[in-house]
């Protein structure tokens, strides 16, 4: 519910974001994908990861979903650039079909 409200608030605001998300294919039919489609574009790639990465304005945030969800945020231009490069590679490889 929180994510849905947050996405709707972002869409109503004047904030411009360039959202691109790479998800595990098991989420293709999940409602959350529909919600994130409101922000930008989603693609699918079967990766053995339990971590989400958010890359923005010289920051990289890693979101972990373990017993206790937590995040690690790093502010470093070099790390942000390297993660963005890796993301672009994965983006080109990912499936566009929803």
PDB file of N, CA and C in Angstrom:
ATOM      1  N   UNK A   1       0.832  -1.185   0.000  1.00  0.00           N
ATOM      2  CA  UNK A   1       0.000   0.000   0.000  1.00  0.00           C
ATOM      3  C   UNK A   1       0.873   1.244   0.000  1.00  0.00           C
ATOM      4  N   UNK A   2       1.929   1.232   0.797  1.00  0.00           N
ATOM      5  CA  UNK A   2       2.834   2.382   0.850  1.00  0.00           C
ATOM      6  C   UNK A   2       3.441   2.660  -0.520  1.00  0.00           C
ATOM      7  N   UNK A   3       3.906   1.602  -1.204  1.00  0.00           N
ATOM      8  CA  UNK A   3       4.524   1.771  -2.528  1.00  0.00           C
ATOM      9  C   UNK A   3       3.512   2.342  -3.511  1.00  0.00           C
ATOM     10  N   UNK A   4       2.290   1.823  -3.493  1.00  0.00           N
ATOM     11  CA  UNK A   4       1.259   2.320  -4.404  1.00  0.00           C
ATOM     12  C   UNK A   4       1.028   3.809  -4.191  1.00  0.00           C
ATOM     13  N   UNK A   5       0.905   4.221  -2.934  1.00  0.00           N
ATOM     14  CA  UNK A   5       0.676   5.632  -2.622  1.00  0.00           C
ATOM     15  C   UNK A   5       1.867   6.475  -3.041  1.00  0.00           C
ATOM     16  N   UNK A   6       3.069   5.985  -2.784  1.00  0.00           N
ATOM     17  CA  UNK A   6       4.280   6.714  -3.151  1.00  0.00           C
ATOM     18  C   UNK A   6       4.356   6.925  -4.668  1.00  0.00           C
ATOM     19  N   UNK A   7       4.078   5.888  -5.434  1.00  0.00           N
ATOM     20  CA  UNK A   7       4.120   5.984  -6.892  1.00  0.00           C
ATOM     21  C   UNK A   7       3.079   6.983  -7.390  1.00  0.00           C
ATOM     22  N   UNK A   8       1.867   6.922  -6.850  1.00  0.00           N
ATOM     23  CA  UNK A   8       0.825   7.871  -7.258  1.00  0.00           C
ATOM     24  C   UNK A   8       1.215   9.296  -6.912  1.00  0.00           C
ATOM     25  N   UNK A   9       1.823   9.500  -5.745  1.00  0.00           N
ATOM     26  CA  UNK A   9       2.263  10.839  -5.353  1.00  0.00           C
ATOM     27  C   UNK A   9       3.351  11.359  -6.289  1.00  0.00           C
ATOM     28  N   UNK A  10       4.263  10.494  -6.679  1.00  0.00           N
ATOM     29  CA  UNK A  10       5.327  10.895  -7.604  1.00  0.00           C
ATOM     30  C   UNK A  10       4.725  11.281  -8.944  1.00  0.00           C
ATOM     31  N   UNK A  11       3.782  10.496  -9.424  1.00  0.00           N
ATOM     32  CA  UNK A  11       3.144  10.796 -10.712  1.00  0.00           C
ATOM     33  C   UNK A  11       2.396  12.122 -10.667  1.00  0.00           C
ATOM     34  N   UNK A  12       1.776  12.471  -9.543  1.00  0.00           N
ATOM     35  CA  UNK A  12       1.033  13.725  -9.412  1.00  0.00           C
ATOM     36  C   UNK A  12       1.966  14.931  -9.292  1.00  0.00           C
ATOM     37  N   UNK A  13       3.149  14.715  -8.763  1.00  0.00           N
ATOM     38  CA  UNK A  13       4.078  15.827  -8.531  1.00  0.00           C
ATOM     39  C   UNK A  13       4.743  16.250  -9.836  1.00  0.00           C
ATOM     40  N   UNK A  14       5.487  17.311  -9.768  1.00  0.00           N
ATOM     41  CA  UNK A  14       6.212  17.833 -10.930  1.00  0.00           C
ATOM     42  C   UNK A  14       7.609  17.220 -11.045  1.00  0.00           C
ATOM     43  N   UNK A  15       7.920  16.280 -10.165  1.00  0.00           N
ATOM     44  CA  UNK A  15       9.236  15.649 -10.165  1.00  0.00           C
ATOM     45  C   UNK A  15       9.392  14.795 -11.421  1.00  0.00           C
ATOM     46  N   UNK A  16      10.463  15.013 -12.154  1.00  0.00           N
ATOM     47  CA  UNK A  16      10.750  14.237 -13.359  1.00  0.00           C
ATOM     48  C   UNK A  16      11.786  13.178 -13.015  1.00  0.00           C
ATOM     49  N   UNK A  17      11.423  11.920 -13.196  1.00  0.00           N
ATOM     50  CA  UNK A  17      12.380  10.838 -12.967  1.00  0.00           C
ATOM     51  C   UNK A  17      12.453   9.986 -14.226  1.00  0.00           C
ATOM     52  N   UNK A  18      13.614   9.437 -14.451  1.00  0.00           N
ATOM     53  CA  UNK A  18      13.829   8.528 -15.571  1.00  0.00           C
ATOM     54  C   UNK A  18      13.924   7.133 -14.975  1.00  0.00           C
ATOM     55  N   UNK A  19      12.777   6.487 -14.775  1.00  0.00           N
ATOM     56  CA  UNK A  19      12.740   5.189 -14.115  1.00  0.00           C
ATOM     57  C   UNK A  19      12.927   4.068 -15.127  1.00  0.00           C
ATOM     58  N   UNK A  20      13.828   3.157 -14.792  1.00  0.00           N
ATOM     59  CA  UNK A  20      14.008   1.911 -15.520  1.00  0.00           C
ATOM     60  C   UNK A  20      14.240   0.839 -14.472  1.00  0.00           C
ATOM     61  N   UNK A  21      13.452  -0.227 -14.535  1.00  0.00           N
ATOM     62  CA  UNK A  21      13.584  -1.302 -13.558  1.00  0.00           C
ATOM     63  C   UNK A  21      13.802  -2.643 -14.225  1.00  0.00           C
ATOM     64  N   UNK A  22      14.702  -3.421 -13.665  1.00  0.00           N
ATOM     65  CA  UNK A  22      14.938  -4.787 -14.128  1.00  0.00           C
ATOM     66  C   UNK A  22      14.459  -5.711 -13.013  1.00  0.00           C
ATOM     67  N   UNK A  23      13.529  -6.582 -13.353  1.00  0.00           N
ATOM     68  CA  UNK A  23      12.890  -7.459 -12.393  1.00  0.00           C
ATOM     69  C   UNK A  23      13.089  -8.917 -12.773  1.00  0.00           C
ATOM     70  N   UNK A  24      12.933  -9.779 -11.801  1.00  0.00           N
ATOM     71  CA  UNK A  24      12.906 -11.212 -12.045  1.00  0.00           C
ATOM     72  C   UNK A  24      11.618 -11.533 -12.816  1.00  0.00           C
ATOM     73  N   UNK A  25      11.681 -12.415 -13.824  1.00  0.00           N
ATOM     74  CA  UNK A  25      10.483 -12.746 -14.609  1.00  0.00           C
ATOM     75  C   UNK A  25       9.299 -13.253 -13.784  1.00  0.00           C
ATOM     76  N   UNK A  26       9.536 -13.759 -12.595  1.00  0.00           N
ATOM     77  CA  UNK A  26       8.421 -14.255 -11.774  1.00  0.00           C
ATOM     78  C   UNK A  26       7.453 -13.135 -11.384  1.00  0.00           C
ATOM     79  N   UNK A  27       7.873 -11.872 -11.547  1.00  0.00           N
ATOM     80  CA  UNK A  27       7.013 -10.734 -11.216  1.00  0.00           C
ATOM     81  C   UNK A  27       6.255 -10.170 -12.419  1.00  0.00           C
ATOM     82  N   UNK A  28       6.363 -10.808 -13.592  1.00  0.00           N
ATOM     83  CA  UNK A  28       5.728 -10.268 -14.801  1.00  0.00           C
ATOM     84  C   UNK A  28       4.245  -9.989 -14.636  1.00  0.00           C
ATOM     85  N   UNK A  29       3.529 -10.841 -13.960  1.00  0.00           N
ATOM     86  CA  UNK A  29       2.082 -10.665 -13.803  1.00  0.00           C
ATOM     87  C   UNK A  29       1.700 -10.023 -12.467  1.00  0.00           C
ATOM     88  N   UNK A  30       2.675  -9.634 -11.683  1.00  0.00           N
ATOM     89  CA  UNK A  30       2.410  -9.049 -10.367  1.00  0.00           C
ATOM     90  C   UNK A  30       1.887  -7.622 -10.504  1.00  0.00           C
ATOM     91  N   UNK A  31       0.970  -7.247  -9.623  1.00  0.00           N
ATOM     92  CA  UNK A  31       0.405  -5.898  -9.643  1.00  0.00           C
ATOM     93  C   UNK A  31       1.477  -4.829  -9.453  1.00  0.00           C
ATOM     94  N   UNK A  32       2.518  -5.145  -8.734  1.00  0.00           N
ATOM     95  CA  UNK A  32       3.564  -4.149  -8.482  1.00  0.00           C
ATOM     96  C   UNK A  32       4.223  -3.684  -9.786  1.00  0.00           C
ATOM     97  N   UNK A  33       4.301  -4.576 -10.773  1.00  0.00           N
ATOM     98  CA  UNK A  33       4.872  -4.192 -12.068  1.00  0.00           C
ATOM     99  C   UNK A  33       3.980  -3.148 -12.730  1.00  0.00           C
ATOM    100  N   UNK A  34       2.689  -3.343 -12.655  1.00  0.00           N
ATOM    101  CA  UNK A  34       1.767  -2.344 -13.202  1.00  0.00           C
ATOM    102  C   UNK A  34       2.009  -0.991 -12.539  1.00  0.00           C
ATOM    103  N   UNK A  35       2.164  -0.979 -11.223  1.00  0.00           N
ATOM    104  CA  UNK A  35       2.398   0.275 -10.505  1.00  0.00           C
ATOM    105  C   UNK A  35       3.704   0.935 -10.951  1.00  0.00           C
ATOM    106  N   UNK A  36       4.757   0.142 -11.076  1.00  0.00           N
ATOM    107  CA  UNK A  36       6.042   0.708 -11.495  1.00  0.00           C
ATOM    108  C   UNK A  36       6.036   1.136 -12.959  1.00  0.00           C
ATOM    109  N   UNK A  37       5.179   0.516 -13.790  1.00  0.00           N
ATOM    110  CA  UNK A  37       5.053   0.953 -15.186  1.00  0.00           C
ATOM    111  C   UNK A  37       4.569   2.397 -15.266  1.00  0.00           C
ATOM    112  N   UNK A  38       3.885   2.868 -14.241  1.00  0.00           N
ATOM    113  CA  UNK A  38       3.438   4.263 -14.213  1.00  0.00           C
ATOM    114  C   UNK A  38       4.609   5.229 -14.145  1.00  0.00           C
ATOM    115  N   UNK A  39       5.746   4.759 -13.646  1.00  0.00           N
ATOM    116  CA  UNK A  39       6.926   5.620 -13.502  1.00  0.00           C
ATOM    117  C   UNK A  39       7.841   5.598 -14.716  1.00  0.00           C
ATOM    118  N   UNK A  40       7.819   4.528 -15.462  1.00  0.00           N
ATOM    119  CA  UNK A  40       8.742   4.404 -16.586  1.00  0.00           C
ATOM    120  C   UNK A  40       8.627   3.043 -17.220  1.00  0.00           C
ATOM    121  N   UNK A  41       9.767   2.384 -17.407  1.00  0.00           N
ATOM    122  CA  UNK A  41       9.788   1.112 -18.129  1.00  0.00           C
ATOM    123  C   UNK A  41      10.416   0.016 -17.288  1.00  0.00           C
ATOM    124  N   UNK A  42       9.837  -1.184 -17.394  1.00  0.00           N
ATOM    125  CA  UNK A  42      10.356  -2.362 -16.711  1.00  0.00           C
ATOM    126  C   UNK A  42      10.775  -3.401 -17.733  1.00  0.00           C
ATOM    127  N   UNK A  43      11.829  -4.115 -17.419  1.00  0.00           N
ATOM    128  CA  UNK A  43      12.270  -5.260 -18.214  1.00  0.00           C
ATOM    129  C   UNK A  43      12.547  -6.410 -17.261  1.00  0.00           C
ATOM    130  N   UNK A  44      12.750  -7.608 -17.843  1.00  0.00           N
ATOM    131  CA  UNK A  44      12.861  -8.811 -17.013  1.00  0.00           C
ATOM    132  C   UNK A  44      14.099  -9.608 -17.371  1.00  0.00           C
ATOM    133  N   UNK A  45      14.775 -10.074 -16.328  1.00  0.00           N
ATOM    134  CA  UNK A  45      16.001 -10.834 -16.496  1.00  0.00           C
ATOM    135  C   UNK A  45      16.120 -11.778 -15.308  1.00  0.00           C
ATOM    136  N   UNK A  46      16.371 -13.034 -15.584  1.00  0.00           N
ATOM    137  CA  UNK A  46      16.482 -14.023 -14.515  1.00  0.00           C
ATOM    138  C   UNK A  46      17.879 -13.947 -13.912  1.00  0.00           C
ATOM    139  N   UNK A  47      18.001 -13.203 -12.828  1.00  0.00           N
ATOM    140  CA  UNK A  47      19.272 -13.057 -12.119  1.00  0.00           C
ATOM    141  C   UNK A  47      19.167 -13.688 -10.734  1.00  0.00           C
ATOM    142  N   UNK A  48      20.222 -14.311 -10.257  1.00  0.00           N
ATOM    143  CA  UNK A  48      20.176 -14.952  -8.930  1.00  0.00           C
ATOM    144  C   UNK A  48      20.461 -13.945  -7.814  1.00  0.00           C
ATOM    145  N   UNK A  49      19.734 -12.837  -7.792  1.00  0.00           N
ATOM    146  CA  UNK A  49      20.007 -11.785  -6.810  1.00  0.00           C
ATOM    147  C   UNK A  49      18.815 -11.560  -5.892  1.00  0.00           C
ATOM    148  N   UNK A  50      19.113 -11.260  -4.652  1.00  0.00           N
ATOM    149  CA  UNK A  50      18.076 -10.913  -3.684  1.00  0.00           C
ATOM    150  C   UNK A  50      18.225  -9.454  -3.271  1.00  0.00           C
ATOM    151  N   UNK A  51      18.919  -8.700  -4.126  1.00  0.00           N
ATOM    152  CA  UNK A  51      19.219  -7.305  -3.823  1.00  0.00           C
ATOM    153  C   UNK A  51      18.730  -6.429  -4.967  1.00  0.00           C
ATOM    154  N   UNK A  52      18.072  -5.343  -4.608  1.00  0.00           N
ATOM    155  CA  UNK A  52      17.695  -4.337  -5.602  1.00  0.00           C
ATOM    156  C   UNK A  52      18.686  -3.191  -5.484  1.00  0.00           C
ATOM    157  N   UNK A  53      19.005  -2.577  -6.602  1.00  0.00           N
ATOM    158  CA  UNK A  53      19.908  -1.429  -6.583  1.00  0.00           C
ATOM    159  C   UNK A  53      19.186  -0.231  -7.178  1.00  0.00           C
ATOM    160  N   UNK A  54      19.317   0.892  -6.526  1.00  0.00           N
ATOM    161  CA  UNK A  54      18.775   2.141  -7.022  1.00  0.00           C
ATOM    162  C   UNK A  54      19.957   3.064  -7.269  1.00  0.00           C
ATOM    163  N   UNK A  55      20.011   3.622  -8.474  1.00  0.00           N
ATOM    164  CA  UNK A  55      21.141   4.455  -8.881  1.00  0.00           C
ATOM    165  C   UNK A  55      20.604   5.839  -9.193  1.00  0.00           C
ATOM    166  N   UNK A  56      21.128   6.857  -8.518  1.00  0.00           N
ATOM    167  CA  UNK A  56      20.630   8.216  -8.730  1.00  0.00           C
ATOM    168  C   UNK A  56      21.611   9.255  -8.187  1.00  0.00           C
ATOM    169  N   UNK A  57      21.780  10.356  -8.900  1.00  0.00           N
ATOM    170  CA  UNK A  57      22.533  11.529  -8.428  1.00  0.00           C
ATOM    171  C   UNK A  57      23.761  11.213  -7.573  1.00  0.00           C
ATOM    172  N   UNK A  58      24.700  10.482  -8.125  1.00  0.00           N
ATOM    173  CA  UNK A  58      25.938  10.100  -7.426  1.00  0.00           C
ATOM    174  C   UNK A  58      25.700   9.191  -6.220  1.00  0.00           C
ATOM    175  N   UNK A  59      24.547   8.568  -6.132  1.00  0.00           N
ATOM    176  CA  UNK A  59      24.228   7.637  -5.051  1.00  0.00           C
ATOM    177  C   UNK A  59      23.925   6.260  -5.634  1.00  0.00           C
ATOM    178  N   UNK A  60      24.226   5.253  -4.862  1.00  0.00           N
ATOM    179  CA  UNK A  60      23.792   3.889  -5.149  1.00  0.00           C
ATOM    180  C   UNK A  60      23.226   3.349  -3.844  1.00  0.00           C
ATOM    181  N   UNK A  61      22.004   2.838  -3.904  1.00  0.00           N
ATOM    182  CA  UNK A  61      21.393   2.233  -2.724  1.00  0.00           C
ATOM    183  C   UNK A  61      21.122   0.764  -3.030  1.00  0.00           C
ATOM    184  N   UNK A  62      21.555  -0.097  -2.142  1.00  0.00           N
ATOM    185  CA  UNK A  62      21.298  -1.529  -2.262  1.00  0.00           C
ATOM    186  C   UNK A  62      20.216  -1.892  -1.240  1.00  0.00           C
ATOM    187  N   UNK A  63      19.120  -2.464  -1.728  1.00  0.00           N
ATOM    188  CA  UNK A  63      18.003  -2.840  -0.861  1.00  0.00           C
ATOM    189  C   UNK A  63      17.974  -4.353  -0.728  1.00  0.00           C
ATOM    190  N   UNK A  64      18.116  -4.839   0.488  1.00  0.00           N
ATOM    191  CA  UNK A  64      18.167  -6.270   0.759  1.00  0.00           C
ATOM    192  C   UNK A  64      16.857  -6.740   1.352  1.00  0.00           C
ATOM    193  N   UNK A  65      16.382  -7.881   0.891  1.00  0.00           N
ATOM    194  CA  UNK A  65      15.163  -8.468   1.443  1.00  0.00           C
ATOM    195  C   UNK A  65      15.530  -9.786   2.114  1.00  0.00           C
ATOM    196  N   UNK A  66      15.935  -9.691   3.325  1.00  0.00           N
ATOM    197  CA  UNK A  66      16.275 -10.876   4.107  1.00  0.00           C
ATOM    198  C   UNK A  66      15.286 -10.936   5.274  1.00  0.00           C
ATOM    199  N   UNK A  67      15.652 -11.618   6.345  1.00  0.00           N
ATOM    200  CA  UNK A  67      14.759 -11.678   7.509  1.00  0.00           C
ATOM    201  C   UNK A  67      14.371 -10.276   7.975  1.00  0.00           C
ATOM    202  N   UNK A  68      15.347  -9.399   7.999  1.00  0.00           N
ATOM    203  CA  UNK A  68      15.108  -7.992   8.324  1.00  0.00           C
ATOM    204  C   UNK A  68      15.552  -7.158   7.125  1.00  0.00           C
ATOM    205  N   UNK A  69      14.609  -6.600   6.366  1.00  0.00           N
ATOM    206  CA  UNK A  69      14.997  -5.793   5.209  1.00  0.00           C
ATOM    207  C   UNK A  69      15.844  -4.592   5.644  1.00  0.00           C
ATOM    208  N   UNK A  70      16.850  -4.277   4.850  1.00  0.00           N
ATOM    209  CA  UNK A  70      17.677  -3.115   5.151  1.00  0.00           C
ATOM    210  C   UNK A  70      18.281  -2.587   3.856  1.00  0.00           C
ATOM    211  N   UNK A  71      18.861  -1.401   3.946  1.00  0.00           N
ATOM    212  CA  UNK A  71      19.460  -0.761   2.771  1.00  0.00           C
ATOM    213  C   UNK A  71      20.839  -0.232   3.126  1.00  0.00           C
ATOM    214  N   UNK A  72      21.696  -0.225   2.126  1.00  0.00           N
ATOM    215  CA  UNK A  72      23.011   0.396   2.241  1.00  0.00           C
ATOM    216  C   UNK A  72      23.062   1.462   1.154  1.00  0.00           C
ATOM    217  N   UNK A  73      23.360   2.687   1.547  1.00  0.00           N
ATOM    218  CA  UNK A  73      23.440   3.784   0.581  1.00  0.00           C
ATOM    219  C   UNK A  73      24.879   4.296   0.522  1.00  0.00           C
ATOM    220  N   UNK A  74      25.374   4.464  -0.696  1.00  0.00           N
ATOM    221  CA  UNK A  74      26.736   4.932  -0.913  1.00  0.00           C
ATOM    222  C   UNK A  74      26.668   6.180  -1.780  1.00  0.00           C
ATOM    223  N   UNK A  75      27.325   7.233  -1.339  1.00  0.00           N
ATOM    224  CA  UNK A  75      27.421   8.426  -2.171  1.00  0.00           C
ATOM    225  C   UNK A  75      28.859   8.498  -2.683  1.00  0.00           C
ATOM    226  N   UNK A  76      29.006   8.143  -3.952  1.00  0.00           N
ATOM    227  CA  UNK A  76      30.326   8.130  -4.571  1.00  0.00           C
ATOM    228  C   UNK A  76      30.129   8.163  -6.079  1.00  0.00           C
ATOM    229  N   UNK A  77      30.624   9.186  -6.727  1.00  0.00           N
ATOM    230  CA  UNK A  77      30.417   9.362  -8.163  1.00  0.00           C
ATOM    231  C   UNK A  77      30.970   8.186  -8.967  1.00  0.00           C
ATOM    232  N   UNK A  78      32.153   7.690  -8.628  1.00  0.00           N
ATOM    233  CA  UNK A  78      32.757   6.580  -9.368  1.00  0.00           C
ATOM    234  C   UNK A  78      31.898   5.316  -9.249  1.00  0.00           C
ATOM    235  N   UNK A  79      31.462   5.005  -8.043  1.00  0.00           N
ATOM    236  CA  UNK A  79      30.629   3.815  -7.848  1.00  0.00           C
ATOM    237  C   UNK A  79      29.315   3.973  -8.596  1.00  0.00           C
ATOM    238  N   UNK A  80      28.730   5.165  -8.546  1.00  0.00           N
ATOM    239  CA  UNK A  80      27.481   5.417  -9.269  1.00  0.00           C
ATOM    240  C   UNK A  80      27.676   5.215 -10.767  1.00  0.00           C
ATOM    241  N   UNK A  81      28.762   5.721 -11.307  1.00  0.00           N
ATOM    242  CA  UNK A  81      29.031   5.568 -12.744  1.00  0.00           C
ATOM    243  C   UNK A  81      29.245   4.106 -13.125  1.00  0.00           C
ATOM    244  N   UNK A  82      29.970   3.357 -12.304  1.00  0.00           N
ATOM    245  CA  UNK A  82      30.222   1.944 -12.579  1.00  0.00           C
ATOM    246  C   UNK A  82      28.935   1.121 -12.499  1.00  0.00           C
ATOM    247  N   UNK A  83      28.106   1.389 -11.495  1.00  0.00           N
ATOM    248  CA  UNK A  83      26.845   0.663 -11.367  1.00  0.00           C
ATOM    249  C   UNK A  83      25.906   1.013 -12.524  1.00  0.00           C
ATOM    250  N   UNK A  84      25.925   2.257 -12.946  1.00  0.00           N
ATOM    251  CA  UNK A  84      25.087   2.664 -14.070  1.00  0.00           C
ATOM    252  C   UNK A  84      25.530   1.950 -15.342  1.00  0.00           C
ATOM    253  N   UNK A  85      26.837   1.808 -15.536  1.00  0.00           N
ATOM    254  CA  UNK A  85      27.370   1.102 -16.697  1.00  0.00           C
ATOM    255  C   UNK A  85      26.922  -0.363 -16.686  1.00  0.00           C
ATOM    256  N   UNK A  86      26.995  -0.982 -15.534  1.00  0.00           N
ATOM    257  CA  UNK A  86      26.555  -2.373 -15.376  1.00  0.00           C
ATOM    258  C   UNK A  86      25.051  -2.486 -15.649  1.00  0.00           C
ATOM    259  N   UNK A  87      24.279  -1.538 -15.121  1.00  0.00           N
ATOM    260  CA  UNK A  87      22.837  -1.545 -15.335  1.00  0.00           C
ATOM    261  C   UNK A  87      22.504  -1.416 -16.821  1.00  0.00           C
ATOM    262  N   UNK A  88      23.181  -0.540 -17.534  1.00  0.00           N
ATOM    263  CA  UNK A  88      22.939  -0.355 -18.967  1.00  0.00           C
ATOM    264  C   UNK A  88      23.181  -1.655 -19.720  1.00  0.00           C
ATOM    265  N   UNK A  89      24.230  -2.368 -19.362  1.00  0.00           N
ATOM    266  CA  UNK A  89      24.511  -3.668 -19.985  1.00  0.00           C
ATOM    267  C   UNK A  89      23.354  -4.646 -19.727  1.00  0.00           C
ATOM    268  N   UNK A  90      22.917  -4.745 -18.474  1.00  0.00           N
ATOM    269  CA  UNK A  90      21.813  -5.639 -18.135  1.00  0.00           C
ATOM    270  C   UNK A  90      20.526  -5.205 -18.837  1.00  0.00           C
ATOM    271  N   UNK A  91      20.289  -3.911 -18.927  1.00  0.00           N
ATOM    272  CA  UNK A  91      19.092  -3.370 -19.565  1.00  0.00           C
ATOM    273  C   UNK A  91      19.014  -3.820 -21.025  1.00  0.00           C
ATOM    274  N   UNK A  92      20.135  -3.792 -21.718  1.00  0.00           N
ATOM    275  CA  UNK A  92      20.168  -4.198 -23.127  1.00  0.00           C
ATOM    276  C   UNK A  92      19.918  -5.694 -23.272  1.00  0.00           C
ATOM    277  N   UNK A  93      20.245  -6.461 -22.251  1.00  0.00           N
ATOM    278  CA  UNK A  93      20.095  -7.910 -22.271  1.00  0.00           C
ATOM    279  C   UNK A  93      18.691  -8.357 -21.867  1.00  0.00           C
ATOM    280  N   UNK A  94      18.009  -7.538 -21.087  1.00  0.00           N
ATOM    281  CA  UNK A  94      16.733  -7.935 -20.479  1.00  0.00           C
ATOM    282  C   UNK A  94      15.580  -8.030 -21.479  1.00  0.00           C
ATOM    283  N   UNK A  95      14.606  -8.860 -21.138  1.00  0.00           N
ATOM    284  CA  UNK A  95      13.399  -9.096 -21.934  1.00  0.00           C
ATOM    285  C   UNK A  95      12.417  -7.943 -21.744  1.00  0.00           C
ATOM    286  N   UNK A  96      11.882  -7.444 -22.854  1.00  0.00           N
ATOM    287  CA  UNK A  96      10.932  -6.329 -22.796  1.00  0.00           C
ATOM    288  C   UNK A  96       9.489  -6.762 -22.611  1.00  0.00           C
ATOM    289  N   UNK A  97       9.192  -8.021 -22.784  1.00  0.00           N
ATOM    290  CA  UNK A  97       7.808  -8.502 -22.752  1.00  0.00           C
ATOM    291  C   UNK A  97       7.270  -8.532 -21.323  1.00  0.00           C
ATOM    292  N   UNK A  98       6.077  -8.017 -21.165  1.00  0.00           N
ATOM    293  CA  UNK A  98       5.412  -8.056 -19.850  1.00  0.00           C
ATOM    294  C   UNK A  98       4.328  -9.091 -19.883  1.00  0.00           C
TER     295      UNK A  98
END
